[in-house]
C-alpha atoms as a PDB file:
ATOM      1  CA  MET A   1       1.182 -13.642  18.554  1.00  0.00           C
ATOM      2  CA  ARG A   2       4.194 -15.868  17.845  1.00  0.00           C
ATOM      3  CA  LEU A   3       5.310 -16.901  14.359  1.00  0.00           C
ATOM      4  CA  LEU A   4       6.029 -20.623  14.116  1.00  0.00           C
ATOM      5  CA  LYS A   5       7.774 -22.592  11.375  1.00  0.00           C
ATOM      6  CA  PRO A   6       7.748 -20.062   8.526  1.00  0.00           C
ATOM      7  CA  ARG A   7       7.960 -21.879   5.193  1.00  0.00           C
ATOM      8  CA  LEU A   8       7.735 -20.071   1.846  1.00  0.00           C
ATOM      9  CA  ALA A   9       4.324 -18.380   1.651  1.00  0.00           C
ATOM     10  CA  THR A  10       2.642 -20.618   4.263  1.00  0.00           C
ATOM     11  CA  GLU A  11       2.761 -19.366   7.835  1.00  0.00           C
ATOM     12  CA  TYR A  12       1.575 -20.724  11.147  1.00  0.00           C
ATOM     13  CA  TYR A  13       0.332 -18.576  13.979  1.00  0.00           C
ATOM     14  CA  GLU A  14      -0.369 -19.231  17.620  1.00  0.00           C
ATOM     15  CA  LEU A  15      -2.854 -16.825  19.150  1.00  0.00           C
ATOM     16  CA  SER A  16      -4.040 -17.310  22.763  1.00  0.00           C
ATOM     17  CA  GLY A  17      -3.453 -21.045  22.531  1.00  0.00           C
ATOM     18  CA  THR A  18      -5.423 -21.362  19.302  1.00  0.00           C
ATOM     19  CA  PHE A  19      -3.482 -22.427  16.217  1.00  0.00           C
ATOM     20  CA  VAL A  20      -4.482 -20.685  13.044  1.00  0.00           C
ATOM     21  CA  TYR A  21      -3.257 -22.223   9.814  1.00  0.00           C
ATOM     22  CA  VAL A  22      -3.096 -19.508   7.186  1.00  0.00           C
ATOM     23  CA  LEU A  23      -2.763 -20.795   3.638  1.00  0.00           C
ATOM     24  CA  ILE A  24      -1.360 -17.636   2.134  1.00  0.00           C
ATOM     25  CA  SER A  25      -0.238 -19.394  -1.035  1.00  0.00           C
ATOM     26  CA  PHE A  26      -3.843 -20.307  -1.873  1.00  0.00           C
ATOM     27  CA  CYS A  27      -5.561 -17.161  -0.614  1.00  0.00           C
ATOM     28  CA  LEU A  28      -3.520 -14.492  -2.335  1.00  0.00           C
ATOM     29  CA  PRO A  29      -4.750 -12.997  -5.618  1.00  0.00           C
ATOM     30  CA  LYS A  30      -2.600 -13.220  -8.721  1.00  0.00           C
ATOM     31  CA  ASP A  31      -1.585  -9.554  -8.531  1.00  0.00           C
ATOM     32  CA  MET A  32       0.540  -8.864  -5.468  1.00  0.00           C
ATOM     33  CA  PHE A  33       3.044  -6.191  -4.545  1.00  0.00           C
ATOM     34  CA  THR A  34       5.847  -5.919  -2.013  1.00  0.00           C
ATOM     35  CA  GLY A  35       5.735  -2.260  -1.030  1.00  0.00           C
ATOM     36  CA  LEU A  36       9.138  -1.540  -2.581  1.00  0.00           C
ATOM     37  CA  ILE A  37       8.697   1.445  -4.904  1.00  0.00           C
ATOM     38  CA  GLU A  38      10.275   1.018  -8.337  1.00  0.00           C
ATOM     39  CA  GLU A  39       9.844   4.501  -9.729  1.00  0.00           C
ATOM     40  CA  LEU A  40       8.587   7.945  -8.819  1.00  0.00           C
ATOM     41  CA  GLY A  41       6.317   8.838 -11.727  1.00  0.00           C
ATOM     42  CA  ASN A  42       4.598  12.134 -12.443  1.00  0.00           C
ATOM     43  CA  VAL A  43       1.020  12.882 -13.415  1.00  0.00           C
ATOM     44  CA  LEU A  44       0.746  14.111 -17.006  1.00  0.00           C
ATOM     45  CA  GLY A  45      -2.990  14.637 -16.942  1.00  0.00           C
ATOM     46  CA  ILE A  46      -6.372  13.627 -15.547  1.00  0.00           C
ATOM     47  CA  ASN A  47      -9.225  13.484 -18.026  1.00  0.00           C
ATOM     48  CA  VAL A  48     -12.797  13.407 -16.758  1.00  0.00           C
ATOM     49  CA  THR A  49     -15.447  12.557 -19.353  1.00  0.00           C
ATOM     50  CA  SER A  50     -18.968  11.151 -19.412  1.00  0.00           C
ATOM     51  CA  LYS A  51     -17.365   7.710 -19.743  1.00  0.00           C
ATOM     52  CA  GLY A  52     -15.238   8.058 -16.599  1.00  0.00           C
ATOM     53  CA  THR A  53     -11.849   9.271 -15.413  1.00  0.00           C
ATOM     54  CA  GLN A  54      -8.488   8.532 -17.018  1.00  0.00           C
ATOM     55  CA  LEU A  55      -5.159   9.011 -15.275  1.00  0.00           C
ATOM     56  CA  GLN A  56      -2.048   9.628 -17.390  1.00  0.00           C
ATOM     57  CA  ILE A  57       1.352   9.077 -15.778  1.00  0.00           C
ATOM     58  CA  GLY A  58       4.876   9.560 -17.073  1.00  0.00           C
ATOM     59  CA  ALA A  59       7.082   6.628 -16.059  1.00  0.00           C
ATOM     60  CA  PRO A  60      10.170   6.258 -18.269  1.00  0.00           C
ATOM     61  CA  HIS A  61      11.661   3.426 -16.202  1.00  0.00           C
ATOM     62  CA  ILE A  62       8.828   0.915 -15.865  1.00  0.00           C
ATOM     63  CA  ALA A  63       7.256   1.882 -19.203  1.00  0.00           C
ATOM     64  CA  LYS A  64       9.996  -0.165 -20.868  1.00  0.00           C
ATOM     65  CA  LYS A  65       9.002  -3.276 -18.902  1.00  0.00           C
ATOM     66  CA  ILE A  66       5.209  -3.227 -19.008  1.00  0.00           C
ATOM     67  CA  ARG A  67       2.347  -4.176 -21.318  1.00  0.00           C
ATOM     68  CA  THR A  68      -1.289  -3.161 -21.619  1.00  0.00           C
ATOM     69  CA  GLY A  69      -3.334  -5.205 -19.156  1.00  0.00           C
ATOM     70  CA  ASP A  70      -0.567  -5.401 -16.547  1.00  0.00           C
ATOM     71  CA  SER A  71      -1.191  -4.323 -12.964  1.00  0.00           C
ATOM     72  CA  VAL A  72       0.618  -1.375 -11.389  1.00  0.00           C
ATOM     73  CA  ALA A  73       0.308  -0.019  -7.865  1.00  0.00           C
ATOM     74  CA  VAL A  74      -0.110   3.769  -8.041  1.00  0.00           C
ATOM     75  CA  ASN A  75       0.327   5.259  -4.569  1.00  0.00           C
ATOM     76  CA  GLY A  76      -0.423   1.739  -3.353  1.00  0.00           C
ATOM     77  CA  CYS A  77      -3.653   1.370  -5.363  1.00  0.00           C
ATOM     78  CA  CYS A  78      -3.718  -1.550  -7.799  1.00  0.00           C
ATOM     79  CA  LEU A  79      -4.672  -0.301 -11.277  1.00  0.00           C
ATOM     80  CA  THR A  80      -4.811  -2.031 -14.648  1.00  0.00           C
ATOM     81  CA  LEU A  81      -2.873  -0.447 -17.483  1.00  0.00           C
ATOM     82  CA  SER A  82      -5.482   0.385 -20.138  1.00  0.00           C
ATOM     83  CA  ALA A  83      -3.122   1.981 -22.687  1.00  0.00           C
ATOM     84  CA  HIS A  84       0.603   2.480 -23.150  1.00  0.00           C
ATOM     85  CA  ARG A  85       2.238   5.102 -25.372  1.00  0.00           C
ATOM     86  CA  GLY A  86       6.010   5.407 -25.126  1.00  0.00           C
ATOM     87  CA  GLU A  87       6.791   6.547 -21.585  1.00  0.00           C
ATOM     88  CA  GLU A  88       3.142   7.338 -20.838  1.00  0.00           C
ATOM     89  CA  LEU A  89       0.902   4.983 -18.842  1.00  0.00           C
ATOM     90  CA  ILE A  90      -2.888   5.381 -18.948  1.00  0.00           C
ATOM     91  CA  PHE A  91      -5.298   3.997 -16.347  1.00  0.00           C
ATOM     92  CA  ASP A  92      -9.095   4.072 -16.051  1.00  0.00           C
ATOM     93  CA  LEU A  93     -10.294   5.000 -12.549  1.00  0.00           C
ATOM     94  CA  LEU A  94     -13.490   3.703 -10.959  1.00  0.00           C
ATOM     95  CA  GLU A  95     -15.639   5.913  -8.738  1.00  0.00           C
ATOM     96  CA  GLU A  96     -14.941   3.543  -5.834  1.00  0.00           C
ATOM     97  CA  THR A  97     -11.214   4.054  -6.360  1.00  0.00           C
ATOM     98  CA  LEU A  98     -11.550   7.821  -6.343  1.00  0.00           C
ATOM     99  CA  ASP A  99     -13.802   7.797  -3.268  1.00  0.00           C
ATOM    100  CA  ARG A 100     -11.523   5.560  -1.178  1.00  0.00           C
ATOM    101  CA  THR A 101      -8.039   6.776  -2.146  1.00  0.00           C
ATOM    102  CA  ASN A 102      -5.985   9.936  -2.495  1.00  0.00           C
ATOM    103  CA  LEU A 103      -5.922   9.598  -6.290  1.00  0.00           C
ATOM    104  CA  LYS A 104      -8.764  12.135  -6.390  1.00  0.00           C
ATOM    105  CA  THR A 105      -6.351  14.768  -5.034  1.00  0.00           C
ATOM    106  CA  LEU A 106      -3.800  14.314  -7.832  1.00  0.00           C
ATOM    107  CA  ARG A 107      -3.021  17.213 -10.143  1.00  0.00           C
ATOM    108  CA  ARG A 108      -0.738  17.660 -13.128  1.00  0.00           C
ATOM    109  CA  ASP A 109       2.912  17.076 -12.104  1.00  0.00           C
ATOM    110  CA  SER A 110       1.918  15.347  -8.833  1.00  0.00           C
ATOM    111  CA  PRO A 111       4.556  12.723  -7.965  1.00  0.00           C
ATOM    112  CA  VAL A 112       3.209   9.165  -7.609  1.00  0.00           C
ATOM    113  CA  ASN A 113       4.766   5.985  -6.249  1.00  0.00           C
ATOM    114  CA  LEU A 114       4.823   3.149  -8.798  1.00  0.00           C
ATOM    115  CA  GLU A 115       5.381  -0.576  -8.431  1.00  0.00           C
ATOM    116  CA  ARG A 116       4.674  -3.362 -10.908  1.00  0.00           C
ATOM    117  CA  SER A 117       2.987  -6.521  -9.633  1.00  0.00           C
ATOM    118  CA  LEU A 118       5.330  -9.210  -8.384  1.00  0.00           C
ATOM    119  CA  PRO A 119       6.280 -11.873 -10.966  1.00  0.00           C
ATOM    120  CA  ALA A 120       6.083 -15.526  -9.892  1.00  0.00           C
ATOM    121  CA  ASN A 121       9.884 -15.768  -9.767  1.00  0.00           C
ATOM    122  CA  GLY A 122      10.414 -12.295  -8.316  1.00  0.00           C
ATOM    123  CA  ARG A 123      12.402 -11.503  -5.194  1.00  0.00           C
ATOM    124  CA  PHE A 124      10.148 -10.719  -2.243  1.00  0.00           C
ATOM    125  CA  GLY A 125      11.551  -7.815  -0.262  1.00  0.00           C
ATOM    126  CA  GLY A 126       8.793  -5.987   1.662  1.00  0.00           C
ATOM    127  CA  HIS A 127       5.521  -7.539   2.859  1.00  0.00           C
ATOM    128  CA  PHE A 128       2.402  -8.853   1.138  1.00  0.00           C
ATOM    129  CA  VAL A 129       0.594  -5.829  -0.336  1.00  0.00           C
ATOM    130  CA  GLN A 130      -2.605  -6.371  -2.342  1.00  0.00           C
ATOM    131  CA  GLY A 131      -3.030  -2.890  -3.716  1.00  0.00           C
ATOM    132  CA  HIS A 132      -6.478  -2.730  -2.087  1.00  0.00           C
ATOM    133  CA  VAL A 133      -6.423   0.570  -0.224  1.00  0.00           C
ATOM    134  CA  ASP A 134      -8.448   0.482   3.001  1.00  0.00           C
ATOM    135  CA  CYS A 135      -8.635   4.227   3.560  1.00  0.00           C
ATOM    136  CA  ALA A 136      -6.951   7.564   2.991  1.00  0.00           C
ATOM    137  CA  ALA A 137      -5.611   9.175   6.173  1.00  0.00           C
ATOM    138  CA  ARG A 138      -4.154  12.599   6.946  1.00  0.00           C
ATOM    139  CA  ILE A 139      -0.579  13.318   7.983  1.00  0.00           C
ATOM    140  CA  LEU A 140      -0.687  14.704  11.533  1.00  0.00           C
ATOM    141  CA  ALA A 141       3.049  15.326  11.964  1.00  0.00           C
ATOM    142  CA  PHE A 142       6.154  14.926   9.810  1.00  0.00           C
ATOM    143  CA  GLU A 143       9.333  15.963  11.580  1.00  0.00           C
ATOM    144  CA  GLN A 144      13.028  15.360  11.061  1.00  0.00           C
ATOM    145  CA  SER A 145      14.960  13.742  13.885  1.00  0.00           C
ATOM    146  CA  GLY A 146      18.627  13.313  13.095  1.00  0.00           C
ATOM    147  CA  GLY A 147      18.900  11.697   9.684  1.00  0.00           C
ATOM    148  CA  GLU A 148      15.404  10.197   9.819  1.00  0.00           C
ATOM    149  CA  HIS A 149      11.852  11.537   9.747  1.00  0.00           C
ATOM    150  CA  ARG A 150       9.052  10.714  12.170  1.00  0.00           C
ATOM    151  CA  LEU A 151       5.746  10.366  10.341  1.00  0.00           C
ATOM    152  CA  GLU A 152       2.521  10.422  12.358  1.00  0.00           C
ATOM    153  CA  VAL A 153      -0.692   9.458  10.550  1.00  0.00           C
ATOM    154  CA  GLU A 154      -4.301   9.414  11.705  1.00  0.00           C
ATOM    155  CA  LEU A 155      -5.805   5.969  12.383  1.00  0.00           C
ATOM    156  CA  PRO A 156      -9.581   5.622  11.950  1.00  0.00           C
ATOM    157  CA  ALA A 157     -11.129   3.704  14.848  1.00  0.00           C
ATOM    158  CA  GLU A 158     -12.668   1.020  12.609  1.00  0.00           C
ATOM    159  CA  PHE A 159      -9.191  -0.045  11.441  1.00  0.00           C
ATOM    160  CA  ALA A 160      -7.209   0.366  14.675  1.00  0.00           C
ATOM    161  CA  HIS A 161      -7.289  -3.354  15.544  1.00  0.00           C
ATOM    162  CA  TYR A 162      -5.288  -4.151  12.386  1.00  0.00           C
ATOM    163  CA  VAL A 163      -2.277  -2.116  13.537  1.00  0.00           C
ATOM    164  CA  ALA A 164       0.362  -3.392  15.956  1.00  0.00           C
ATOM    165  CA  SER A 165       3.732  -2.081  17.032  1.00  0.00           C
ATOM    166  CA  LYS A 166       6.481  -3.604  14.833  1.00  0.00           C
ATOM    167  CA  GLY A 167       3.829  -4.825  12.405  1.00  0.00           C
ATOM    168  CA  SER A 168       3.731  -4.038   8.687  1.00  0.00           C
ATOM    169  CA  ILE A 169       1.657  -1.348   7.000  1.00  0.00           C
ATOM    170  CA  ALA A 170       1.577   0.085   3.467  1.00  0.00           C
ATOM    171  CA  VAL A 171       1.593   3.890   3.248  1.00  0.00           C
ATOM    172  CA  ASN A 172       1.159   5.254  -0.297  1.00  0.00           C
ATOM    173  CA  GLY A 173       2.270   1.801  -1.402  1.00  0.00           C
ATOM    174  CA  ILE A 174       5.464   1.854   0.698  1.00  0.00           C
ATOM    175  CA  SER A 175       6.100  -1.107   2.990  1.00  0.00           C
ATOM    176  CA  LEU A 176       6.801   0.337   6.441  1.00  0.00           C
ATOM    177  CA  THR A 177       7.094  -0.915  10.014  1.00  0.00           C
ATOM    178  CA  VAL A 178       4.813   0.559  12.657  1.00  0.00           C
ATOM    179  CA  ALA A 179       6.961   2.124  15.374  1.00  0.00           C
ATOM    180  CA  LYS A 180       4.187   3.102  17.771  1.00  0.00           C
ATOM    181  CA  VAL A 181       0.402   2.926  18.022  1.00  0.00           C
ATOM    182  CA  LEU A 182      -1.292   5.846  19.770  1.00  0.00           C
ATOM    183  CA  PHE A 183      -4.915   6.856  20.240  1.00  0.00           C
ATOM    184  CA  GLU A 184      -6.359   7.344  16.739  1.00  0.00           C
ATOM    185  CA  ARG A 185      -2.905   7.587  15.166  1.00  0.00           C
ATOM    186  CA  PHE A 186       0.218   5.572  14.407  1.00  0.00           C
ATOM    187  CA  VAL A 187       3.891   6.426  13.926  1.00  0.00           C
ATOM    188  CA  VAL A 188       6.426   5.168  11.379  1.00  0.00           C
ATOM    189  CA  TRP A 189      10.025   6.237  10.846  1.00  0.00           C
ATOM    190  CA  ILE A 190      11.228   7.126   7.366  1.00  0.00           C
ATOM    191  CA  ILE A 191      14.880   6.562   6.475  1.00  0.00           C
ATOM    192  CA  PRO A 192      16.589   9.005   4.067  1.00  0.00           C
ATOM    193  CA  HIS A 193      16.595   6.534   1.142  1.00  0.00           C
ATOM    194  CA  THR A 194      12.840   5.953   1.387  1.00  0.00           C
ATOM    195  CA  LYS A 195      12.052   9.657   1.636  1.00  0.00           C
ATOM    196  CA  ARG A 196      14.345  10.553  -1.256  1.00  0.00           C
ATOM    197  CA  HIS A 197      12.994   7.883  -3.641  1.00  0.00           C
ATOM    198  CA  THR A 198       9.256   8.168  -2.935  1.00  0.00           C
ATOM    199  CA  ASN A 199       6.674  10.936  -2.902  1.00  0.00           C
ATOM    200  CA  LEU A 200       7.075  11.244   0.866  1.00  0.00           C
ATOM    201  CA  ASP A 201       9.835  13.659  -0.113  1.00  0.00           C
ATOM    202  CA  TYR A 202       7.035  16.065  -1.096  1.00  0.00           C
ATOM    203  CA  ALA A 203       4.600  15.229   1.725  1.00  0.00           C
ATOM    204  CA  GLU A 204       3.340  17.845   4.182  1.00  0.00           C
ATOM    205  CA  VAL A 205       1.156  17.902   7.270  1.00  0.00           C
ATOM    206  CA  GLY A 206      -2.484  17.674   6.213  1.00  0.00           C
ATOM    207  CA  ASP A 207      -1.778  15.670   3.061  1.00  0.00           C
ATOM    208  CA  SER A 208      -3.751  12.486   2.519  1.00  0.00           C
ATOM    209  CA  LEU A 209      -1.952   9.115   2.321  1.00  0.00           C
ATOM    210  CA  ASN A 210      -3.295   5.794   1.074  1.00  0.00           C
ATOM    211  CA  ILE A 211      -3.251   3.153   3.803  1.00  0.00           C
ATOM    212  CA  GLU A 212      -3.450  -0.619   3.385  1.00  0.00           C
ATOM    213  CA  PHE A 213      -3.422  -2.689   6.550  1.00  0.00           C
ATOM    214  CA  ASP A 214      -1.630  -6.022   6.806  1.00  0.00           C
ATOM    215  CA  ILE A 215      -3.458  -8.815   4.980  1.00  0.00           C
ATOM    216  CA  LEU A 216      -2.365 -11.357   7.607  1.00  0.00           C
ATOM    217  CA  ALA A 217      -4.227  -9.464  10.326  1.00  0.00           C
ATOM    218  CA  LYS A 218      -7.362  -9.534   8.160  1.00  0.00           C
ATOM    219  CA  TYR A 219      -7.140 -13.288   7.558  1.00  0.00           C
ATOM    220  CA  VAL A 220      -6.584 -13.991  11.246  1.00  0.00           C
ATOM    221  CA  GLU A 221      -9.567 -11.802  12.184  1.00  0.00           C
ATOM    222  CA  ARG A 222     -11.760 -13.550   9.624  1.00  0.00           C
ATOM    223  CA  MET A 223     -10.793 -17.050  10.744  1.00  0.00           C
ATOM    224  CA  LEU A 224     -11.057 -16.354  14.458  1.00  0.00           C
ATOM    225  CA  SER A 225     -14.469 -14.738  14.055  1.00  0.00           C
ATOM    226  CA  ARG A 226     -15.752 -18.111  12.825  1.00  0.00           C
ATOM    227  CA  HIS A 227     -14.066 -20.349  15.394  1.00  0.00           C
ATOM    228  CA  VAL A 228     -13.594 -18.381  18.617  1.00  0.00           C
ATOM    229  CA  PRO A 229     -16.720 -18.208  20.820  1.00  0.00           C
ATOM    230  CA  GLN A 230     -18.140 -14.696  21.184  1.00  0.00           C
ATOM    231  CA  ARG A 231     -18.404 -13.401  24.740  1.00  0.00           C
END
């Protein structure tokens, strides 16, 4: 796959001689993220009632810049702020969200990665992240090598075709570059700054991470499935 003529949010791709014109600017939802974590918040409480589940998070930094109804990525999962009291953010969680993500494993004082949705005039620094988590996957290995850490994460077979070496992937909402794709797993390298300023600083083997695969791969798959003859 070779990127041709990148221009703003519209990108052209050439794949096996077939040109795919991806209109990213028209396809993207209004709430987008970049995978650059703004703040490491902490869970203040999780309330489960007959009406549903509420997640309370302490976030003194972004709490000053947010309003009820705004979107926030929590560990990479796009949530709508339902209430806002001082430095406390409150979100309502759907059953689908709990089933698909690692938010169901959160406990009081759990650290969570937070990022506000990208404003129209915001600086784009990572890659397009929707906040739609595809799956939660276990950490298989997390080892220091020099000043960096090698993170190996399981890769469910049904999503493997979305992952490519040097491609983008969101892990707990963090925009990372895939270093290597192995059988049923992938590897990313974590620099000291990323580890220190995200909840990867607390991650251990066996922990569950939220994974969102690159939206561009999904669009290309969708478009090719309609136009490329099936063998």
